[in-house]
Each structure stands twice: as C-alpha cells, then as structure tokens.
C-alpha cells in the first residue's frame, strides 16, 4: 500500500494519506516443458486472469483472483541440481476474494 505525505507548514508531525495498492506475485519451482511453453508465451504480454485457492478448491473455501502481467521468467540450472524456474507477475487492477 502506497502512502503519500501531506504534511503542511505548521504541523508538528508528518501526516500521511492512504494511496494505491500495488501487488507482485513471485513463483518458483521445478522446470517443466509444458509450464515453460506457457510462461515463455506470456512474457511481456497483456494482463492474464489468475486464481489462487490457498486452502483447496472444495465448496465453501476461499479463493483470490485478479489479472497480472508476467514481467520476468528465468530458467535456473546449477551443476548437480535439478533445473528450476522463477517468474514474477505484476498485478493489474483489484484482487477479489470469493468462495468456491
């Protein structure tokens, strides 16, 4: 959440107002060819809808949704380690909370 300082001459303390929310979503995992093909095609494109079901997708459980732009995607590989990936999305607009 951004804040903006609105202190004026004569105030003894700084005064702030609430600004706009800003969200990023970071993911990482084991590299997979299907996921790689999907994420590679999204990089730098238009916002895409996302949903997250933190407690599962059974009836009555909460979920969050919004739209985001993929701003970075990197495949990682180190000697003796599994190939992995990391990605970061910039959320665009509101995040909504609902129930399944």
PDB file of N, CA and C in Angstrom:
ATOM      1  N   UNK A   1       0.847  -1.165   0.000  1.00  0.00           N
ATOM      2  CA  UNK A   1       0.000   0.000   0.000  1.00  0.00           C
ATOM      3  C   UNK A   1       0.892   1.227   0.000  1.00  0.00           C
ATOM      4  N   UNK A   2       0.716   2.083  -0.966  1.00  0.00           N
ATOM      5  CA  UNK A   2       1.464   3.328  -1.005  1.00  0.00           C
ATOM      6  C   UNK A   2       0.890   4.314   0.005  1.00  0.00           C
ATOM      7  N   UNK A   3       1.732   5.211   0.453  1.00  0.00           N
ATOM      8  CA  UNK A   3       1.274   6.325   1.276  1.00  0.00           C
ATOM      9  C   UNK A   3       1.844   7.604   0.684  1.00  0.00           C
ATOM     10  N   UNK A   4       1.121   8.695   0.856  1.00  0.00           N
ATOM     11  CA  UNK A   4       1.590   9.995   0.383  1.00  0.00           C
ATOM     12  C   UNK A   4       1.660  10.944   1.573  1.00  0.00           C
ATOM     13  N   UNK A   5       2.775  11.638   1.668  1.00  0.00           N
ATOM     14  CA  UNK A   5       2.921  12.604   2.756  1.00  0.00           C
ATOM     15  C   UNK A   5       2.192  13.893   2.376  1.00  0.00           C
ATOM     16  N   UNK A   6       1.357  14.389   3.293  1.00  0.00           N
ATOM     17  CA  UNK A   6       0.588  15.614   3.047  1.00  0.00           C
ATOM     18  C   UNK A   6       0.797  16.627   4.176  1.00  0.00           C
ATOM     19  N   UNK A   7       1.963  16.549   4.821  1.00  0.00           N
ATOM     20  CA  UNK A   7       2.286  17.463   5.912  1.00  0.00           C
ATOM     21  C   UNK A   7       2.304  18.904   5.391  1.00  0.00           C
ATOM     22  N   UNK A   8       1.756  19.805   6.167  1.00  0.00           N
ATOM     23  CA  UNK A   8       1.745  21.212   5.776  1.00  0.00           C
ATOM     24  C   UNK A   8       2.521  22.057   6.784  1.00  0.00           C
ATOM     25  N   UNK A   9       2.841  23.252   6.368  1.00  0.00           N
ATOM     26  CA  UNK A   9       3.579  24.174   7.215  1.00  0.00           C
ATOM     27  C   UNK A   9       2.818  24.383   8.518  1.00  0.00           C
ATOM     28  N   UNK A  10       3.499  24.252   9.639  1.00  0.00           N
ATOM     29  CA  UNK A  10       2.887  24.423  10.944  1.00  0.00           C
ATOM     30  C   UNK A  10       2.559  23.108  11.637  1.00  0.00           C
ATOM     31  N   UNK A  11       2.562  21.978  10.891  1.00  0.00           N
ATOM     32  CA  UNK A  11       2.325  20.675  11.522  1.00  0.00           C
ATOM     33  C   UNK A  11       3.538  20.300  12.369  1.00  0.00           C
ATOM     34  N   UNK A  12       3.294  19.669  13.507  1.00  0.00           N
ATOM     35  CA  UNK A  12       4.383  19.196  14.354  1.00  0.00           C
ATOM     36  C   UNK A  12       4.806  17.772  14.014  1.00  0.00           C
ATOM     37  N   UNK A  13       3.923  17.052  13.346  1.00  0.00           N
ATOM     38  CA  UNK A  13       4.202  15.664  12.968  1.00  0.00           C
ATOM     39  C   UNK A  13       3.877  15.483  11.490  1.00  0.00           C
ATOM     40  N   UNK A  14       4.530  14.522  10.884  1.00  0.00           N
ATOM     41  CA  UNK A  14       4.223  14.218   9.490  1.00  0.00           C
ATOM     42  C   UNK A  14       2.817  13.630   9.397  1.00  0.00           C
ATOM     43  N   UNK A  15       2.116  13.952   8.328  1.00  0.00           N
ATOM     44  CA  UNK A  15       0.761  13.466   8.084  1.00  0.00           C
ATOM     45  C   UNK A  15       0.765  12.708   6.761  1.00  0.00           C
ATOM     46  N   UNK A  16       0.106  11.552   6.734  1.00  0.00           N
ATOM     47  CA  UNK A  16       0.068  10.712   5.544  1.00  0.00           C
ATOM     48  C   UNK A  16      -1.378  10.361   5.193  1.00  0.00           C
ATOM     49  N   UNK A  17      -1.607  10.114   3.917  1.00  0.00           N
ATOM     50  CA  UNK A  17      -2.893   9.581   3.454  1.00  0.00           C
ATOM     51  C   UNK A  17      -2.614   8.272   2.729  1.00  0.00           C
ATOM     52  N   UNK A  18      -3.627   7.438   2.723  1.00  0.00           N
ATOM     53  CA  UNK A  18      -3.507   6.146   2.052  1.00  0.00           C
ATOM     54  C   UNK A  18      -3.500   6.342   0.545  1.00  0.00           C
ATOM     55  N   UNK A  19      -2.612   5.637  -0.118  1.00  0.00           N
ATOM     56  CA  UNK A  19      -2.508   5.710  -1.572  1.00  0.00           C
ATOM     57  C   UNK A  19      -3.070   4.465  -2.221  1.00  0.00           C
ATOM     58  N   UNK A  20      -2.464   4.082  -3.309  1.00  0.00           N
ATOM     59  CA  UNK A  20      -2.931   2.940  -4.092  1.00  0.00           C
ATOM     60  C   UNK A  20      -2.205   1.664  -3.697  1.00  0.00           C
ATOM     61  N   UNK A  21      -2.905   0.532  -3.827  1.00  0.00           N
ATOM     62  CA  UNK A  21      -2.283  -0.769  -3.561  1.00  0.00           C
ATOM     63  C   UNK A  21      -1.481  -1.200  -4.775  1.00  0.00           C
ATOM     64  N   UNK A  22      -0.416  -1.947  -4.513  1.00  0.00           N
ATOM     65  CA  UNK A  22       0.436  -2.486  -5.570  1.00  0.00           C
ATOM     66  C   UNK A  22       0.811  -3.900  -5.166  1.00  0.00           C
ATOM     67  N   UNK A  23       0.705  -4.830  -6.099  1.00  0.00           N
ATOM     68  CA  UNK A  23       0.992  -6.233  -5.770  1.00  0.00           C
ATOM     69  C   UNK A  23       1.865  -6.874  -6.842  1.00  0.00           C
ATOM     70  N   UNK A  24       2.786  -7.714  -6.390  1.00  0.00           N
ATOM     71  CA  UNK A  24       3.525  -8.586  -7.294  1.00  0.00           C
ATOM     72  C   UNK A  24       3.356 -10.016  -6.792  1.00  0.00           C
ATOM     73  N   UNK A  25       3.442 -10.951  -7.718  1.00  0.00           N
ATOM     74  CA  UNK A  25       3.307 -12.368  -7.392  1.00  0.00           C
ATOM     75  C   UNK A  25       4.572 -13.062  -7.888  1.00  0.00           C
ATOM     76  N   UNK A  26       5.281 -13.724  -6.991  1.00  0.00           N
ATOM     77  CA  UNK A  26       6.503 -14.448  -7.348  1.00  0.00           C
ATOM     78  C   UNK A  26       6.248 -15.942  -7.214  1.00  0.00           C
ATOM     79  N   UNK A  27       6.699 -16.705  -8.207  1.00  0.00           N
ATOM     80  CA  UNK A  27       6.585 -18.163  -8.151  1.00  0.00           C
ATOM     81  C   UNK A  27       7.923 -18.773  -8.545  1.00  0.00           C
ATOM     82  N   UNK A  28       8.156 -19.983  -8.074  1.00  0.00           N
ATOM     83  CA  UNK A  28       9.340 -20.743  -8.482  1.00  0.00           C
ATOM     84  C   UNK A  28       9.027 -22.216  -8.344  1.00  0.00           C
ATOM     85  N   UNK A  29       9.778 -23.032  -9.060  1.00  0.00           N
ATOM     86  CA  UNK A  29       9.542 -24.462  -8.977  1.00  0.00           C
ATOM     87  C   UNK A  29      10.484 -25.243  -9.865  1.00  0.00           C
ATOM     88  N   UNK A  30      10.196 -26.521  -9.989  1.00  0.00           N
ATOM     89  CA  UNK A  30      10.971 -27.409 -10.846  1.00  0.00           C
ATOM     90  C   UNK A  30      10.565 -27.160 -12.295  1.00  0.00           C
ATOM     91  N   UNK A  31      11.532 -27.056 -13.182  1.00  0.00           N
ATOM     92  CA  UNK A  31      11.263 -26.778 -14.591  1.00  0.00           C
ATOM     93  C   UNK A  31      10.440 -27.910 -15.200  1.00  0.00           C
ATOM     94  N   UNK A  32       9.492 -27.533 -16.031  1.00  0.00           N
ATOM     95  CA  UNK A  32       8.635 -28.486 -16.752  1.00  0.00           C
ATOM     96  C   UNK A  32       8.411 -27.909 -18.145  1.00  0.00           C
ATOM     97  N   UNK A  33       8.521 -28.733 -19.171  1.00  0.00           N
ATOM     98  CA  UNK A  33       8.391 -28.274 -20.553  1.00  0.00           C
ATOM     99  C   UNK A  33       7.051 -27.618 -20.852  1.00  0.00           C
ATOM    100  N   UNK A  34       5.983 -28.155 -20.306  1.00  0.00           N
ATOM    101  CA  UNK A  34       4.654 -27.575 -20.541  1.00  0.00           C
ATOM    102  C   UNK A  34       4.550 -26.199 -19.897  1.00  0.00           C
ATOM    103  N   UNK A  35       4.993 -26.076 -18.654  1.00  0.00           N
ATOM    104  CA  UNK A  35       4.971 -24.794 -17.951  1.00  0.00           C
ATOM    105  C   UNK A  35       5.882 -23.795 -18.666  1.00  0.00           C
ATOM    106  N   UNK A  36       7.050 -24.250 -19.112  1.00  0.00           N
ATOM    107  CA  UNK A  36       7.986 -23.390 -19.831  1.00  0.00           C
ATOM    108  C   UNK A  36       7.344 -22.820 -21.095  1.00  0.00           C
ATOM    109  N   UNK A  37       6.662 -23.652 -21.844  1.00  0.00           N
ATOM    110  CA  UNK A  37       6.000 -23.188 -23.062  1.00  0.00           C
ATOM    111  C   UNK A  37       4.920 -22.163 -22.765  1.00  0.00           C
ATOM    112  N   UNK A  38       4.181 -22.384 -21.699  1.00  0.00           N
ATOM    113  CA  UNK A  38       3.110 -21.463 -21.325  1.00  0.00           C
ATOM    114  C   UNK A  38       3.675 -20.127 -20.861  1.00  0.00           C
ATOM    115  N   UNK A  39       4.634 -20.160 -19.922  1.00  0.00           N
ATOM    116  CA  UNK A  39       5.188 -18.921 -19.376  1.00  0.00           C
ATOM    117  C   UNK A  39       5.988 -18.145 -20.418  1.00  0.00           C
ATOM    118  N   UNK A  40       6.740 -18.824 -21.265  1.00  0.00           N
ATOM    119  CA  UNK A  40       7.512 -18.138 -22.302  1.00  0.00           C
ATOM    120  C   UNK A  40       6.603 -17.319 -23.207  1.00  0.00           C
ATOM    121  N   UNK A  41       5.420 -17.841 -23.491  1.00  0.00           N
ATOM    122  CA  UNK A  41       4.474 -17.144 -24.352  1.00  0.00           C
ATOM    123  C   UNK A  41       3.792 -15.965 -23.684  1.00  0.00           C
ATOM    124  N   UNK A  42       3.818 -15.899 -22.360  1.00  0.00           N
ATOM    125  CA  UNK A  42       3.161 -14.808 -21.631  1.00  0.00           C
ATOM    126  C   UNK A  42       4.059 -13.607 -21.376  1.00  0.00           C
ATOM    127  N   UNK A  43       5.369 -13.792 -21.450  1.00  0.00           N
ATOM    128  CA  UNK A  43       6.313 -12.759 -21.047  1.00  0.00           C
ATOM    129  C   UNK A  43       6.071 -11.459 -21.804  1.00  0.00           C
ATOM    130  N   UNK A  44       5.805 -10.392 -21.055  1.00  0.00           N
ATOM    131  CA  UNK A  44       5.630  -9.069 -21.637  1.00  0.00           C
ATOM    132  C   UNK A  44       4.317  -8.858 -22.367  1.00  0.00           C
ATOM    133  N   UNK A  45       3.405  -9.791 -22.254  1.00  0.00           N
ATOM    134  CA  UNK A  45       2.132  -9.682 -22.958  1.00  0.00           C
ATOM    135  C   UNK A  45       1.091  -8.893 -22.186  1.00  0.00           C
ATOM    136  N   UNK A  46      -0.139  -9.102 -22.550  1.00  0.00           N
ATOM    137  CA  UNK A  46      -1.250  -8.413 -21.904  1.00  0.00           C
ATOM    138  C   UNK A  46      -1.580  -9.085 -20.573  1.00  0.00           C
ATOM    139  N   UNK A  47      -2.283  -8.386 -19.685  1.00  0.00           N
ATOM    140  CA  UNK A  47      -2.659  -8.999 -18.399  1.00  0.00           C
ATOM    141  C   UNK A  47      -3.492 -10.266 -18.608  1.00  0.00           C
ATOM    142  N   UNK A  48      -3.223 -11.271 -17.809  1.00  0.00           N
ATOM    143  CA  UNK A  48      -3.957 -12.543 -17.844  1.00  0.00           C
ATOM    144  C   UNK A  48      -4.628 -12.777 -16.501  1.00  0.00           C
ATOM    145  N   UNK A  49      -5.801 -13.371 -16.539  1.00  0.00           N
ATOM    146  CA  UNK A  49      -6.558 -13.666 -15.323  1.00  0.00           C
ATOM    147  C   UNK A  49      -5.868 -14.779 -14.544  1.00  0.00           C
ATOM    148  N   UNK A  50      -5.845 -14.654 -13.197  1.00  0.00           N
ATOM    149  CA  UNK A  50      -5.287 -15.696 -12.330  1.00  0.00           C
ATOM    150  C   UNK A  50      -6.253 -15.954 -11.180  1.00  0.00           C
ATOM    151  N   UNK A  51      -6.164 -17.157 -10.629  1.00  0.00           N
ATOM    152  CA  UNK A  51      -6.911 -17.540  -9.429  1.00  0.00           C
ATOM    153  C   UNK A  51      -6.004 -18.376  -8.542  1.00  0.00           C
ATOM    154  N   UNK A  52      -6.118 -18.171  -7.230  1.00  0.00           N
ATOM    155  CA  UNK A  52      -5.358 -18.950  -6.253  1.00  0.00           C
ATOM    156  C   UNK A  52      -6.343 -19.503  -5.235  1.00  0.00           C
ATOM    157  N   UNK A  53      -6.233 -20.791  -4.953  1.00  0.00           N
ATOM    158  CA  UNK A  53      -7.079 -21.485  -3.990  1.00  0.00           C
ATOM    159  C   UNK A  53      -6.184 -21.944  -2.833  1.00  0.00           C
ATOM    160  N   UNK A  54      -5.884 -21.058  -1.861  1.00  0.00           N
ATOM    161  CA  UNK A  54      -4.891 -21.386  -0.826  1.00  0.00           C
ATOM    162  C   UNK A  54      -5.268 -22.560   0.070  1.00  0.00           C
ATOM    163  N   UNK A  55      -6.558 -22.837   0.247  1.00  0.00           N
ATOM    164  CA  UNK A  55      -6.984 -23.933   1.125  1.00  0.00           C
ATOM    165  C   UNK A  55      -7.562 -25.104   0.336  1.00  0.00           C
ATOM    166  N   UNK A  56      -7.444 -25.081  -0.983  1.00  0.00           N
ATOM    167  CA  UNK A  56      -8.022 -26.123  -1.818  1.00  0.00           C
ATOM    168  C   UNK A  56      -9.247 -25.596  -2.552  1.00  0.00           C
ATOM    169  N   UNK A  57      -9.837 -26.441  -3.396  1.00  0.00           N
ATOM    170  CA  UNK A  57     -10.942 -25.985  -4.237  1.00  0.00           C
ATOM    171  C   UNK A  57     -12.289 -26.601  -3.859  1.00  0.00           C
ATOM    172  N   UNK A  58     -12.413 -27.106  -2.632  1.00  0.00           N
ATOM    173  CA  UNK A  58     -13.687 -27.679  -2.180  1.00  0.00           C
ATOM    174  C   UNK A  58     -14.701 -26.563  -1.934  1.00  0.00           C
ATOM    175  N   UNK A  59     -15.944 -26.894  -2.027  1.00  0.00           N
ATOM    176  CA  UNK A  59     -17.026 -25.939  -1.842  1.00  0.00           C
ATOM    177  C   UNK A  59     -16.914 -25.199  -0.505  1.00  0.00           C
ATOM    178  N   UNK A  60     -17.121 -23.881  -0.538  1.00  0.00           N
ATOM    179  CA  UNK A  60     -17.097 -23.061   0.663  1.00  0.00           C
ATOM    180  C   UNK A  60     -15.741 -22.493   1.030  1.00  0.00           C
ATOM    181  N   UNK A  61     -14.668 -22.944   0.368  1.00  0.00           N
ATOM    182  CA  UNK A  61     -13.326 -22.443   0.684  1.00  0.00           C
ATOM    183  C   UNK A  61     -13.031 -21.151  -0.079  1.00  0.00           C
ATOM    184  N   UNK A  62     -12.165 -20.284   0.474  1.00  0.00           N
ATOM    185  CA  UNK A  62     -11.869 -19.005  -0.183  1.00  0.00           C
ATOM    186  C   UNK A  62     -10.917 -19.154  -1.367  1.00  0.00           C
ATOM    187  N   UNK A  63     -11.028 -18.218  -2.283  1.00  0.00           N
ATOM    188  CA  UNK A  63     -10.057 -18.092  -3.355  1.00  0.00           C
ATOM    189  C   UNK A  63      -9.846 -16.611  -3.647  1.00  0.00           C
ATOM    190  N   UNK A  64      -8.746 -16.309  -4.307  1.00  0.00           N
ATOM    191  CA  UNK A  64      -8.417 -14.944  -4.696  1.00  0.00           C
ATOM    192  C   UNK A  64      -8.216 -14.920  -6.203  1.00  0.00           C
ATOM    193  N   UNK A  65      -8.613 -13.828  -6.847  1.00  0.00           N
ATOM    194  CA  UNK A  65      -8.446 -13.722  -8.287  1.00  0.00           C
ATOM    195  C   UNK A  65      -8.108 -12.299  -8.691  1.00  0.00           C
ATOM    196  N   UNK A  66      -7.532 -12.167  -9.864  1.00  0.00           N
ATOM    197  CA  UNK A  66      -7.175 -10.871 -10.409  1.00  0.00           C
ATOM    198  C   UNK A  66      -6.605 -11.059 -11.798  1.00  0.00           C
ATOM    199  N   UNK A  67      -5.859 -10.073 -12.265  1.00  0.00           N
ATOM    200  CA  UNK A  67      -5.144 -10.221 -13.531  1.00  0.00           C
ATOM    201  C   UNK A  67      -3.740  -9.652 -13.351  1.00  0.00           C
ATOM    202  N   UNK A  68      -2.795 -10.203 -14.109  1.00  0.00           N
ATOM    203  CA  UNK A  68      -1.393  -9.814 -13.937  1.00  0.00           C
ATOM    204  C   UNK A  68      -0.627  -9.963 -15.240  1.00  0.00           C
ATOM    205  N   UNK A  69       0.484  -9.245 -15.321  1.00  0.00           N
ATOM    206  CA  UNK A  69       1.397  -9.298 -16.460  1.00  0.00           C
ATOM    207  C   UNK A  69       2.665 -10.011 -16.011  1.00  0.00           C
ATOM    208  N   UNK A  70       3.121 -10.988 -16.795  1.00  0.00           N
ATOM    209  CA  UNK A  70       4.384 -11.659 -16.492  1.00  0.00           C
ATOM    210  C   UNK A  70       5.520 -10.705 -16.844  1.00  0.00           C
ATOM    211  N   UNK A  71       6.285 -10.272 -15.839  1.00  0.00           N
ATOM    212  CA  UNK A  71       7.361  -9.304 -16.058  1.00  0.00           C
ATOM    213  C   UNK A  71       8.745  -9.932 -16.103  1.00  0.00           C
ATOM    214  N   UNK A  72       8.906 -11.136 -15.553  1.00  0.00           N
ATOM    215  CA  UNK A  72      10.192 -11.822 -15.655  1.00  0.00           C
ATOM    216  C   UNK A  72       9.987 -13.324 -15.571  1.00  0.00           C
ATOM    217  N   UNK A  73      10.813 -14.050 -16.331  1.00  0.00           N
ATOM    218  CA  UNK A  73      10.798 -15.512 -16.331  1.00  0.00           C
ATOM    219  C   UNK A  73      12.224 -15.977 -16.550  1.00  0.00           C
ATOM    220  N   UNK A  74      12.722 -16.815 -15.631  1.00  0.00           N
ATOM    221  CA  UNK A  74      14.111 -17.268 -15.709  1.00  0.00           C
ATOM    222  C   UNK A  74      14.196 -18.762 -15.434  1.00  0.00           C
ATOM    223  N   UNK A  75      14.931 -19.451 -16.281  1.00  0.00           N
ATOM    224  CA  UNK A  75      15.226 -20.867 -16.068  1.00  0.00           C
ATOM    225  C   UNK A  75      16.565 -20.930 -15.350  1.00  0.00           C
ATOM    226  N   UNK A  76      16.620 -21.695 -14.250  1.00  0.00           N
ATOM    227  CA  UNK A  76      17.843 -21.786 -13.454  1.00  0.00           C
ATOM    228  C   UNK A  76      18.404 -23.198 -13.533  1.00  0.00           C
ATOM    229  N   UNK A  77      19.726 -23.287 -13.632  1.00  0.00           N
ATOM    230  CA  UNK A  77      20.376 -24.588 -13.712  1.00  0.00           C
ATOM    231  C   UNK A  77      21.756 -24.488 -13.078  1.00  0.00           C
ATOM    232  N   UNK A  78      21.983 -25.328 -12.072  1.00  0.00           N
ATOM    233  CA  UNK A  78      23.295 -25.389 -11.442  1.00  0.00           C
ATOM    234  C   UNK A  78      23.793 -26.827 -11.508  1.00  0.00           C
ATOM    235  N   UNK A  79      25.089 -26.992 -11.568  1.00  0.00           N
ATOM    236  CA  UNK A  79      25.685 -28.320 -11.645  1.00  0.00           C
ATOM    237  C   UNK A  79      25.232 -29.149 -10.452  1.00  0.00           C
ATOM    238  N   UNK A  80      24.753 -30.346 -10.718  1.00  0.00           N
ATOM    239  CA  UNK A  80      24.337 -31.250  -9.658  1.00  0.00           C
ATOM    240  C   UNK A  80      22.965 -30.954  -9.076  1.00  0.00           C
ATOM    241  N   UNK A  81      22.213 -30.027  -9.675  1.00  0.00           N
ATOM    242  CA  UNK A  81      20.903 -29.670  -9.153  1.00  0.00           C
ATOM    243  C   UNK A  81      19.867 -29.804 -10.266  1.00  0.00           C
ATOM    244  N   UNK A  82      18.624 -29.962  -9.886  1.00  0.00           N
ATOM    245  CA  UNK A  82      17.542 -30.046 -10.862  1.00  0.00           C
ATOM    246  C   UNK A  82      17.354 -28.678 -11.529  1.00  0.00           C
ATOM    247  N   UNK A  83      16.874 -28.696 -12.757  1.00  0.00           N
ATOM    248  CA  UNK A  83      16.575 -27.446 -13.453  1.00  0.00           C
ATOM    249  C   UNK A  83      15.318 -26.852 -12.835  1.00  0.00           C
ATOM    250  N   UNK A  84      15.362 -25.565 -12.558  1.00  0.00           N
ATOM    251  CA  UNK A  84      14.226 -24.890 -11.952  1.00  0.00           C
ATOM    252  C   UNK A  84      13.824 -23.664 -12.740  1.00  0.00           C
ATOM    253  N   UNK A  85      12.836 -22.953 -12.233  1.00  0.00           N
ATOM    254  CA  UNK A  85      12.425 -21.703 -12.862  1.00  0.00           C
ATOM    255  C   UNK A  85      11.942 -20.743 -11.777  1.00  0.00           C
ATOM    256  N   UNK A  86      11.950 -19.467 -12.120  1.00  0.00           N
ATOM    257  CA  UNK A  86      11.331 -18.453 -11.283  1.00  0.00           C
ATOM    258  C   UNK A  86      10.638 -17.460 -12.203  1.00  0.00           C
ATOM    259  N   UNK A  87       9.556 -16.883 -11.711  1.00  0.00           N
ATOM    260  CA  UNK A  87       8.793 -15.923 -12.500  1.00  0.00           C
ATOM    261  C   UNK A  87       8.182 -14.880 -11.575  1.00  0.00           C
ATOM    262  N   UNK A  88       7.978 -13.691 -12.108  1.00  0.00           N
ATOM    263  CA  UNK A  88       7.336 -12.636 -11.344  1.00  0.00           C
ATOM    264  C   UNK A  88       6.263 -11.970 -12.198  1.00  0.00           C
ATOM    265  N   UNK A  89       5.123 -11.754 -11.567  1.00  0.00           N
ATOM    266  CA  UNK A  89       3.980 -11.124 -12.216  1.00  0.00           C
ATOM    267  C   UNK A  89       3.680  -9.802 -11.521  1.00  0.00           C
ATOM    268  N   UNK A  90       3.297  -8.794 -12.298  1.00  0.00           N
ATOM    269  CA  UNK A  90       2.822  -7.520 -11.763  1.00  0.00           C
ATOM    270  C   UNK A  90       1.308  -7.524 -11.865  1.00  0.00           C
ATOM    271  N   UNK A  91       0.641  -7.464 -10.719  1.00  0.00           N
ATOM    272  CA  UNK A  91      -0.820  -7.460 -10.732  1.00  0.00           C
ATOM    273  C   UNK A  91      -1.323  -6.169 -11.353  1.00  0.00           C
ATOM    274  N   UNK A  92      -2.425  -6.266 -12.086  1.00  0.00           N
ATOM    275  CA  UNK A  92      -3.031  -5.108 -12.736  1.00  0.00           C
ATOM    276  C   UNK A  92      -4.491  -5.013 -12.319  1.00  0.00           C
ATOM    277  N   UNK A  93      -4.823  -4.035 -11.497  1.00  0.00           N
ATOM    278  CA  UNK A  93      -6.195  -3.879 -11.021  1.00  0.00           C
ATOM    279  C   UNK A  93      -6.395  -4.519  -9.650  1.00  0.00           C
ATOM    280  N   UNK A  94      -7.653  -4.689  -9.315  1.00  0.00           N
ATOM    281  CA  UNK A  94      -8.025  -5.189  -7.979  1.00  0.00           C
ATOM    282  C   UNK A  94      -7.831  -6.694  -7.846  1.00  0.00           C
ATOM    283  N   UNK A  95      -7.628  -7.133  -6.605  1.00  0.00           N
ATOM    284  CA  UNK A  95      -7.642  -8.551  -6.252  1.00  0.00           C
ATOM    285  C   UNK A  95      -8.968  -8.793  -5.537  1.00  0.00           C
ATOM    286  N   UNK A  96      -9.685  -9.826  -5.979  1.00  0.00           N
ATOM    287  CA  UNK A  96     -11.000 -10.130  -5.437  1.00  0.00           C
ATOM    288  C   UNK A  96     -10.938 -11.402  -4.596  1.00  0.00           C
ATOM    289  N   UNK A  97     -11.634 -11.411  -3.464  1.00  0.00           N
ATOM    290  CA  UNK A  97     -11.739 -12.606  -2.626  1.00  0.00           C
ATOM    291  C   UNK A  97     -13.150 -13.159  -2.784  1.00  0.00           C
ATOM    292  N   UNK A  98     -13.223 -14.453  -3.052  1.00  0.00           N
ATOM    293  CA  UNK A  98     -14.518 -15.120  -3.180  1.00  0.00           C
ATOM    294  C   UNK A  98     -14.477 -16.465  -2.505  1.00  0.00           C
ATOM    295  N   UNK A  99     -15.574 -17.218  -2.594  1.00  0.00           N
ATOM    296  CA  UNK A  99     -15.597 -18.586  -2.093  1.00  0.00           C
ATOM    297  C   UNK A  99     -16.049 -19.505  -3.211  1.00  0.00           C
ATOM    298  N   UNK A 100     -15.538 -20.720  -3.174  1.00  0.00           N
ATOM    299  CA  UNK A 100     -15.848 -21.716  -4.196  1.00  0.00           C
ATOM    300  C   UNK A 100     -17.281 -22.148  -4.051  1.00  0.00           C
TER     301      UNK A 100
END
